[in-house]
Amino acid sequence: MKVVDRRASDNKYLHRDFHISMNMLMEYIRDQYGSAALTEYLAQFSREFHSMRTEQLKEVGLGVLKKYFLDIYDNEEWPVSIELKDDVLTISQKACPGITHIVNNGYKPVEQYIETYTTVYKTMCEGTQYEYIMENYDPKTGACRQRFQRRA
């Protein structure tokens, strides 16, 4: 008998099926409680999940978000352009890894999928000197250009 010592951290990080379950959850909340409840759920989620990141954003600035997004897209093994210049963080992607995974597995993204960007990131910026702007978005692919910038 051979004993193998492994930890979860030894495994490659992949959470693509999270996107499918999140999509199902969003669909359920919308169908049962309405679109406004879905938006509020995502805002509440963002306040809790990103609370430390929001504090770091206040103290350190957009470099915190650049690192966060670089790590996320690296873990997703997804091509993206992330640029921080003159206190503006720009993220451009030709497709969303979540939407791509949802569609490739035979599901349809919930109509409000864009809220996983807009509501979550606008909420994350609450109380900071920064704001979030979705410059463009393709609901079929999730291709988009996003911007975080200092408030006027």
N, C-alpha and C. Protein backbone atom coordinates (compact mmCIF):
# COMPACT_ATOMS: atom_id res chain seq x y z
N MET A 1 0.85 -1.17 0.00
CA MET A 1 0.00 0.00 0.00
C MET A 1 0.90 1.24 0.00
N LYS A 2 0.53 2.19 -0.86
CA LYS A 2 1.28 3.45 -0.94
C LYS A 2 0.40 4.57 -0.38
N VAL A 3 0.97 5.35 0.51
CA VAL A 3 0.25 6.48 1.09
C VAL A 3 0.65 7.73 0.32
N VAL A 4 -0.35 8.44 -0.14
CA VAL A 4 -0.12 9.68 -0.88
C VAL A 4 -0.60 10.84 -0.02
N ASP A 5 0.27 11.79 0.18
CA ASP A 5 -0.08 12.98 0.97
C ASP A 5 -0.36 14.12 0.01
N ARG A 6 -1.62 14.52 -0.10
CA ARG A 6 -2.01 15.61 -1.00
C ARG A 6 -2.88 16.60 -0.24
N ARG A 7 -2.80 17.82 -0.68
CA ARG A 7 -3.63 18.88 -0.13
C ARG A 7 -4.40 19.53 -1.28
N ALA A 8 -5.49 20.17 -0.95
CA ALA A 8 -6.26 20.87 -1.98
C ALA A 8 -5.38 21.88 -2.71
N SER A 9 -4.45 22.48 -2.00
CA SER A 9 -3.58 23.49 -2.61
C SER A 9 -2.62 22.90 -3.64
N ASP A 10 -2.47 21.56 -3.64
CA ASP A 10 -1.64 20.90 -4.65
C ASP A 10 -2.33 20.82 -6.01
N ASN A 11 -3.64 20.98 -6.01
CA ASN A 11 -4.41 20.88 -7.24
C ASN A 11 -4.47 22.21 -7.98
N LYS A 12 -4.58 22.11 -9.26
CA LYS A 12 -4.73 23.30 -10.09
C LYS A 12 -6.06 23.97 -9.75
N TYR A 13 -6.03 25.28 -9.61
CA TYR A 13 -7.23 26.04 -9.26
C TYR A 13 -8.09 26.24 -10.51
N LEU A 14 -9.26 25.70 -10.50
CA LEU A 14 -10.23 25.93 -11.57
C LEU A 14 -11.61 26.04 -10.91
N HIS A 15 -12.33 27.07 -11.25
CA HIS A 15 -13.67 27.20 -10.66
C HIS A 15 -14.71 27.50 -11.74
N ARG A 16 -14.46 27.00 -12.91
CA ARG A 16 -15.37 27.34 -14.02
C ARG A 16 -16.81 26.95 -13.75
N ASP A 17 -17.05 25.81 -13.09
CA ASP A 17 -18.43 25.41 -12.82
C ASP A 17 -19.11 26.37 -11.85
N PHE A 18 -18.33 27.17 -11.11
CA PHE A 18 -18.92 28.22 -10.28
C PHE A 18 -19.80 29.12 -11.14
N HIS A 19 -19.35 29.41 -12.36
CA HIS A 19 -20.10 30.31 -13.23
C HIS A 19 -21.48 29.73 -13.56
N ILE A 20 -21.53 28.43 -13.76
CA ILE A 20 -22.82 27.79 -14.05
C ILE A 20 -23.73 27.88 -12.83
N SER A 21 -23.20 27.55 -11.67
CA SER A 21 -24.05 27.60 -10.46
C SER A 21 -24.46 29.03 -10.13
N MET A 22 -23.56 29.99 -10.35
CA MET A 22 -23.92 31.40 -10.11
C MET A 22 -25.02 31.83 -11.08
N ASN A 23 -24.91 31.42 -12.33
CA ASN A 23 -25.93 31.73 -13.32
C ASN A 23 -27.28 31.16 -12.91
N MET A 24 -27.28 29.91 -12.41
CA MET A 24 -28.53 29.28 -11.96
C MET A 24 -29.11 30.02 -10.76
N LEU A 25 -28.24 30.41 -9.83
CA LEU A 25 -28.68 31.16 -8.66
C LEU A 25 -29.30 32.49 -9.08
N MET A 26 -28.64 33.19 -9.99
CA MET A 26 -29.16 34.48 -10.46
C MET A 26 -30.52 34.30 -11.12
N GLU A 27 -30.66 33.26 -11.93
CA GLU A 27 -31.92 32.98 -12.59
C GLU A 27 -33.02 32.72 -11.56
N TYR A 28 -32.69 31.93 -10.54
CA TYR A 28 -33.66 31.60 -9.49
C TYR A 28 -34.10 32.87 -8.74
N ILE A 29 -33.15 33.67 -8.30
CA ILE A 29 -33.50 34.89 -7.56
C ILE A 29 -34.37 35.80 -8.42
N ARG A 30 -33.98 35.99 -9.67
CA ARG A 30 -34.77 36.84 -10.56
C ARG A 30 -36.18 36.30 -10.74
N ASP A 31 -36.30 35.00 -11.00
CA ASP A 31 -37.62 34.40 -11.24
C ASP A 31 -38.50 34.41 -9.99
N GLN A 32 -37.90 34.21 -8.82
CA GLN A 32 -38.69 34.12 -7.59
C GLN A 32 -38.96 35.48 -6.95
N TYR A 33 -38.01 36.41 -7.08
CA TYR A 33 -38.10 37.66 -6.33
C TYR A 33 -37.99 38.93 -7.17
N GLY A 34 -37.63 38.78 -8.44
CA GLY A 34 -37.55 39.93 -9.34
C GLY A 34 -36.13 40.42 -9.56
N SER A 35 -35.97 41.21 -10.61
CA SER A 35 -34.65 41.73 -10.99
C SER A 35 -34.05 42.64 -9.94
N ALA A 36 -34.89 43.44 -9.28
CA ALA A 36 -34.37 44.34 -8.24
C ALA A 36 -33.77 43.54 -7.09
N ALA A 37 -34.38 42.43 -6.73
CA ALA A 37 -33.84 41.58 -5.66
C ALA A 37 -32.51 40.96 -6.09
N LEU A 38 -32.41 40.60 -7.35
CA LEU A 38 -31.15 40.05 -7.85
C LEU A 38 -30.04 41.09 -7.76
N THR A 39 -30.34 42.30 -8.17
CA THR A 39 -29.35 43.37 -8.09
C THR A 39 -28.94 43.61 -6.64
N GLU A 40 -29.90 43.62 -5.73
CA GLU A 40 -29.59 43.82 -4.31
C GLU A 40 -28.75 42.67 -3.76
N TYR A 41 -29.06 41.44 -4.17
CA TYR A 41 -28.27 40.30 -3.74
C TYR A 41 -26.80 40.47 -4.17
N LEU A 42 -26.59 40.85 -5.43
CA LEU A 42 -25.22 41.01 -5.93
C LEU A 42 -24.50 42.16 -5.21
N ALA A 43 -25.22 43.22 -4.89
CA ALA A 43 -24.61 44.32 -4.14
C ALA A 43 -24.22 43.86 -2.74
N GLN A 44 -25.11 43.12 -2.08
CA GLN A 44 -24.81 42.60 -0.74
C GLN A 44 -23.63 41.64 -0.79
N PHE A 45 -23.62 40.76 -1.79
CA PHE A 45 -22.50 39.85 -1.98
C PHE A 45 -21.19 40.63 -2.12
N SER A 46 -21.22 41.66 -2.96
CA SER A 46 -20.01 42.45 -3.21
C SER A 46 -19.53 43.14 -1.93
N ARG A 47 -20.45 43.70 -1.17
CA ARG A 47 -20.05 44.38 0.08
C ARG A 47 -19.34 43.41 1.02
N GLU A 48 -19.81 42.20 1.09
CA GLU A 48 -19.21 41.20 1.98
C GLU A 48 -17.92 40.64 1.38
N PHE A 49 -18.00 40.14 0.17
CA PHE A 49 -16.87 39.46 -0.44
C PHE A 49 -15.69 40.39 -0.70
N HIS A 50 -15.98 41.62 -1.12
CA HIS A 50 -14.92 42.56 -1.49
C HIS A 50 -14.62 43.59 -0.39
N SER A 51 -15.10 43.37 0.83
CA SER A 51 -14.92 44.39 1.87
C SER A 51 -13.44 44.72 2.11
N MET A 52 -12.60 43.72 2.19
CA MET A 52 -11.17 43.99 2.39
C MET A 52 -10.56 44.68 1.17
N ARG A 53 -10.98 44.26 -0.02
CA ARG A 53 -10.47 44.88 -1.25
C ARG A 53 -10.91 46.34 -1.33
N THR A 54 -12.12 46.64 -0.89
CA THR A 54 -12.59 48.03 -0.88
C THR A 54 -11.73 48.86 0.05
N GLU A 55 -11.41 48.32 1.22
CA GLU A 55 -10.54 49.05 2.16
C GLU A 55 -9.15 49.26 1.57
N GLN A 56 -8.63 48.24 0.91
CA GLN A 56 -7.32 48.36 0.28
C GLN A 56 -7.36 49.38 -0.86
N LEU A 57 -8.46 49.41 -1.58
CA LEU A 57 -8.62 50.38 -2.67
C LEU A 57 -8.57 51.80 -2.11
N LYS A 58 -9.19 52.02 -0.96
CA LYS A 58 -9.15 53.33 -0.31
C LYS A 58 -7.73 53.71 0.09
N GLU A 59 -6.99 52.74 0.61
CA GLU A 59 -5.67 53.02 1.17
C GLU A 59 -4.55 53.00 0.13
N VAL A 60 -4.62 52.08 -0.82
CA VAL A 60 -3.50 51.84 -1.73
C VAL A 60 -3.77 52.35 -3.14
N GLY A 61 -5.02 52.26 -3.59
CA GLY A 61 -5.35 52.71 -4.94
C GLY A 61 -5.56 51.55 -5.90
N LEU A 62 -5.60 51.89 -7.17
CA LEU A 62 -5.99 50.95 -8.22
C LEU A 62 -5.02 49.80 -8.44
N GLY A 63 -3.80 49.91 -7.95
CA GLY A 63 -2.86 48.80 -8.06
C GLY A 63 -3.39 47.53 -7.42
N VAL A 64 -4.19 47.69 -6.36
CA VAL A 64 -4.82 46.55 -5.69
C VAL A 64 -5.74 45.82 -6.66
N LEU A 65 -6.52 46.58 -7.41
CA LEU A 65 -7.45 45.96 -8.36
C LEU A 65 -6.70 45.35 -9.54
N LYS A 66 -5.65 46.00 -9.98
CA LYS A 66 -4.88 45.43 -11.09
C LYS A 66 -4.36 44.06 -10.71
N LYS A 67 -3.79 43.92 -9.53
CA LYS A 67 -3.28 42.62 -9.08
C LYS A 67 -4.42 41.61 -8.95
N TYR A 68 -5.53 42.04 -8.38
CA TYR A 68 -6.68 41.16 -8.21
C TYR A 68 -7.14 40.61 -9.57
N PHE A 69 -7.31 41.48 -10.54
CA PHE A 69 -7.79 41.03 -11.85
C PHE A 69 -6.74 40.20 -12.59
N LEU A 70 -5.48 40.55 -12.48
CA LEU A 70 -4.43 39.73 -13.10
C LEU A 70 -4.47 38.32 -12.53
N ASP A 71 -4.62 38.20 -11.21
CA ASP A 71 -4.69 36.88 -10.57
C ASP A 71 -5.93 36.11 -11.02
N ILE A 72 -7.07 36.78 -11.06
CA ILE A 72 -8.32 36.12 -11.46
C ILE A 72 -8.20 35.57 -12.88
N TYR A 73 -7.78 36.42 -13.81
CA TYR A 73 -7.70 35.98 -15.20
C TYR A 73 -6.59 34.96 -15.42
N ASP A 74 -5.53 35.04 -14.64
CA ASP A 74 -4.48 34.04 -14.71
C ASP A 74 -5.02 32.69 -14.25
N ASN A 75 -5.76 32.69 -13.15
CA ASN A 75 -6.38 31.45 -12.67
C ASN A 75 -7.38 30.89 -13.66
N GLU A 76 -8.08 31.77 -14.34
CA GLU A 76 -9.06 31.35 -15.35
C GLU A 76 -8.36 30.90 -16.64
N GLU A 77 -7.05 31.19 -16.73
CA GLU A 77 -6.30 30.92 -17.96
C GLU A 77 -7.00 31.59 -19.15
N TRP A 78 -7.30 32.88 -18.95
CA TRP A 78 -8.10 33.62 -19.91
C TRP A 78 -7.34 34.84 -20.42
N PRO A 79 -7.31 35.04 -21.73
CA PRO A 79 -6.61 36.21 -22.28
C PRO A 79 -7.40 37.49 -22.00
N VAL A 80 -6.70 38.49 -21.53
CA VAL A 80 -7.33 39.76 -21.19
C VAL A 80 -6.26 40.84 -21.27
N SER A 81 -6.70 42.05 -21.52
CA SER A 81 -5.79 43.20 -21.48
C SER A 81 -6.14 44.02 -20.24
N ILE A 82 -5.15 44.19 -19.37
CA ILE A 82 -5.34 44.97 -18.14
C ILE A 82 -4.25 46.03 -18.11
N GLU A 83 -4.68 47.28 -18.07
CA GLU A 83 -3.72 48.38 -18.12
C GLU A 83 -4.04 49.41 -17.04
N LEU A 84 -3.02 49.77 -16.28
CA LEU A 84 -3.16 50.82 -15.27
C LEU A 84 -2.26 51.97 -15.70
N LYS A 85 -2.90 53.11 -16.00
CA LYS A 85 -2.15 54.28 -16.46
C LYS A 85 -2.89 55.54 -16.03
N ASP A 86 -2.13 56.46 -15.46
CA ASP A 86 -2.69 57.76 -15.05
C ASP A 86 -3.93 57.62 -14.19
N ASP A 87 -3.88 56.72 -13.20
CA ASP A 87 -4.97 56.52 -12.25
C ASP A 87 -6.26 56.04 -12.93
N VAL A 88 -6.10 55.30 -14.03
CA VAL A 88 -7.23 54.67 -14.71
C VAL A 88 -6.85 53.21 -14.97
N LEU A 89 -7.70 52.29 -14.51
CA LEU A 89 -7.50 50.87 -14.76
C LEU A 89 -8.49 50.44 -15.83
N THR A 90 -7.98 49.91 -16.92
CA THR A 90 -8.82 49.47 -18.04
C THR A 90 -8.68 47.97 -18.22
N ILE A 91 -9.80 47.30 -18.37
CA ILE A 91 -9.83 45.86 -18.59
C ILE A 91 -10.61 45.61 -19.87
N SER A 92 -9.97 44.94 -20.83
CA SER A 92 -10.63 44.61 -22.10
C SER A 92 -10.53 43.12 -22.33
N GLN A 93 -11.67 42.53 -22.69
CA GLN A 93 -11.69 41.09 -22.99
C GLN A 93 -12.57 40.84 -24.21
N LYS A 94 -12.16 39.88 -25.01
CA LYS A 94 -12.89 39.55 -26.23
C LYS A 94 -14.08 38.64 -25.93
N ALA A 95 -14.10 38.05 -24.76
CA ALA A 95 -15.22 37.23 -24.29
C ALA A 95 -15.06 37.06 -22.79
N CYS A 96 -16.13 36.73 -22.13
CA CYS A 96 -16.13 36.50 -20.68
C CYS A 96 -15.89 35.01 -20.42
N PRO A 97 -14.96 34.68 -19.53
CA PRO A 97 -14.73 33.27 -19.25
C PRO A 97 -15.97 32.58 -18.67
N GLY A 98 -16.74 33.30 -17.87
CA GLY A 98 -17.96 32.72 -17.30
C GLY A 98 -19.01 32.43 -18.35
N ILE A 99 -19.31 33.42 -19.18
CA ILE A 99 -20.31 33.22 -20.23
C ILE A 99 -19.87 32.13 -21.19
N THR A 100 -18.60 32.12 -21.54
CA THR A 100 -18.08 31.10 -22.45
C THR A 100 -18.29 29.70 -21.86
N HIS A 101 -17.99 29.54 -20.58
CA HIS A 101 -18.16 28.23 -19.94
C HIS A 101 -19.64 27.85 -19.84
N ILE A 102 -20.47 28.81 -19.51
CA ILE A 102 -21.91 28.56 -19.41
C ILE A 102 -22.45 28.07 -20.76
N VAL A 103 -22.15 28.80 -21.82
CA VAL A 103 -22.63 28.46 -23.16
C VAL A 103 -22.05 27.13 -23.64
N ASN A 104 -20.75 26.94 -23.42
CA ASN A 104 -20.10 25.70 -23.88
C ASN A 104 -20.64 24.46 -23.18
N ASN A 105 -21.32 24.64 -22.06
CA ASN A 105 -21.91 23.52 -21.35
C ASN A 105 -23.41 23.41 -21.54
N GLY A 106 -23.92 24.13 -22.54
CA GLY A 106 -25.32 23.98 -22.92
C GLY A 106 -26.32 24.82 -22.16
N TYR A 107 -25.85 25.79 -21.41
CA TYR A 107 -26.74 26.67 -20.66
C TYR A 107 -26.82 28.03 -21.33
N LYS A 108 -27.81 28.80 -20.93
CA LYS A 108 -27.98 30.16 -21.44
C LYS A 108 -27.70 31.14 -20.30
N PRO A 109 -26.82 32.11 -20.53
CA PRO A 109 -26.57 33.10 -19.47
C PRO A 109 -27.84 33.89 -19.15
N VAL A 110 -28.06 34.13 -17.88
CA VAL A 110 -29.20 34.94 -17.44
C VAL A 110 -29.06 36.33 -18.07
N GLU A 111 -30.17 36.94 -18.41
CA GLU A 111 -30.15 38.25 -19.07
C GLU A 111 -29.39 39.30 -18.25
N GLN A 112 -29.43 39.18 -16.96
CA GLN A 112 -28.78 40.16 -16.08
C GLN A 112 -27.32 39.81 -15.78
N TYR A 113 -26.71 38.95 -16.56
CA TYR A 113 -25.33 38.53 -16.27
C TYR A 113 -24.38 39.72 -16.18
N ILE A 114 -24.65 40.76 -16.93
CA ILE A 114 -23.82 41.97 -16.89
C ILE A 114 -23.70 42.51 -15.46
N GLU A 115 -24.70 42.25 -14.62
CA GLU A 115 -24.68 42.74 -13.24
C GLU A 115 -23.57 42.11 -12.41
N THR A 116 -23.04 40.95 -12.87
CA THR A 116 -21.90 40.37 -12.16
C THR A 116 -20.67 41.25 -12.34
N TYR A 117 -20.72 42.14 -13.29
CA TYR A 117 -19.70 43.16 -13.46
C TYR A 117 -20.19 44.48 -12.84
N THR A 118 -21.25 45.04 -13.41
CA THR A 118 -21.63 46.41 -13.05
C THR A 118 -22.03 46.57 -11.59
N THR A 119 -22.94 45.78 -11.11
CA THR A 119 -23.37 45.91 -9.72
C THR A 119 -22.23 45.55 -8.77
N VAL A 120 -21.54 44.46 -9.04
CA VAL A 120 -20.48 44.00 -8.14
C VAL A 120 -19.36 45.04 -8.06
N TYR A 121 -18.90 45.56 -9.19
CA TYR A 121 -17.75 46.48 -9.15
C TYR A 121 -18.13 47.89 -8.75
N LYS A 122 -19.34 48.34 -9.10
CA LYS A 122 -19.79 49.65 -8.60
C LYS A 122 -19.91 49.61 -7.08
N THR A 123 -20.44 48.51 -6.57
CA THR A 123 -20.58 48.36 -5.12
C THR A 123 -19.21 48.29 -4.46
N MET A 124 -18.29 47.57 -5.07
CA MET A 124 -16.94 47.47 -4.52
C MET A 124 -16.29 48.85 -4.39
N CYS A 125 -16.63 49.77 -5.27
CA CYS A 125 -16.05 51.12 -5.26
C CYS A 125 -16.76 52.07 -4.31
N GLU A 126 -17.89 51.66 -3.73
CA GLU A 126 -18.62 52.55 -2.82
C GLU A 126 -17.72 53.02 -1.69
N GLY A 127 -17.77 54.31 -1.41
CA GLY A 127 -16.99 54.86 -0.31
C GLY A 127 -15.52 55.06 -0.63
N THR A 128 -15.13 54.83 -1.86
CA THR A 128 -13.74 55.05 -2.26
C THR A 128 -13.68 56.26 -3.18
N GLN A 129 -12.49 56.64 -3.55
CA GLN A 129 -12.32 57.76 -4.47
C GLN A 129 -12.44 57.31 -5.94
N TYR A 130 -12.82 56.05 -6.16
CA TYR A 130 -12.89 55.51 -7.51
C TYR A 130 -14.31 55.15 -7.92
N GLU A 131 -14.53 55.12 -9.21
CA GLU A 131 -15.80 54.69 -9.76
C GLU A 131 -15.56 53.65 -10.84
N TYR A 132 -16.60 52.87 -11.11
CA TYR A 132 -16.54 51.81 -12.12
C TYR A 132 -17.43 52.20 -13.28
N ILE A 133 -16.94 51.98 -14.50
CA ILE A 133 -17.71 52.27 -15.71
C ILE A 133 -17.59 51.09 -16.67
N MET A 134 -18.73 50.57 -17.12
CA MET A 134 -18.75 49.56 -18.17
C MET A 134 -18.87 50.34 -19.48
N GLU A 135 -17.82 50.37 -20.26
CA GLU A 135 -17.81 51.16 -21.49
C GLU A 135 -18.60 50.49 -22.61
N ASN A 136 -18.45 49.18 -22.74
CA ASN A 136 -19.25 48.43 -23.71
C ASN A 136 -19.33 46.98 -23.27
N TYR A 137 -20.37 46.30 -23.74
CA TYR A 137 -20.62 44.93 -23.30
C TYR A 137 -21.44 44.21 -24.35
N ASP A 138 -21.02 43.01 -24.72
CA ASP A 138 -21.77 42.15 -25.63
C ASP A 138 -22.41 41.04 -24.81
N PRO A 139 -23.74 41.04 -24.66
CA PRO A 139 -24.39 40.03 -23.80
C PRO A 139 -24.25 38.60 -24.32
N LYS A 140 -23.96 38.43 -25.60
CA LYS A 140 -23.82 37.07 -26.15
C LYS A 140 -22.49 36.44 -25.76
N THR A 141 -21.44 37.24 -25.69
CA THR A 141 -20.10 36.70 -25.43
C THR A 141 -19.48 37.20 -24.13
N GLY A 142 -19.97 38.33 -23.64
CA GLY A 142 -19.35 38.95 -22.48
C GLY A 142 -18.14 39.79 -22.84
N ALA A 143 -17.89 39.93 -24.14
CA ALA A 143 -16.80 40.83 -24.56
C ALA A 143 -17.12 42.20 -23.99
N CYS A 144 -16.10 42.84 -23.43
CA CYS A 144 -16.38 44.14 -22.82
C CYS A 144 -15.10 44.94 -22.61
N ARG A 145 -15.33 46.20 -22.32
CA ARG A 145 -14.26 47.10 -21.90
C ARG A 145 -14.76 47.78 -20.64
N GLN A 146 -13.99 47.63 -19.57
CA GLN A 146 -14.36 48.17 -18.27
C GLN A 146 -13.30 49.17 -17.83
N ARG A 147 -13.73 50.11 -17.01
CA ARG A 147 -12.78 51.13 -16.54
C ARG A 147 -13.08 51.47 -15.08
N PHE A 148 -12.00 51.54 -14.31
CA PHE A 148 -12.03 52.07 -12.95
C PHE A 148 -11.23 53.36 -13.01
N GLN A 149 -11.77 54.42 -12.45
CA GLN A 149 -11.06 55.70 -12.48
C GLN A 149 -11.41 56.52 -11.26
N ARG A 150 -10.56 57.50 -11.00
CA ARG A 150 -10.80 58.42 -9.89
C ARG A 150 -12.08 59.21 -10.17
N ARG A 151 -12.91 59.36 -9.16
CA ARG A 151 -14.14 60.15 -9.32
C ARG A 151 -13.79 61.60 -9.62
N ALA A 152 -14.64 62.23 -10.40
CA ALA A 152 -14.42 63.64 -10.76
C ALA A 152 -14.63 64.54 -9.56
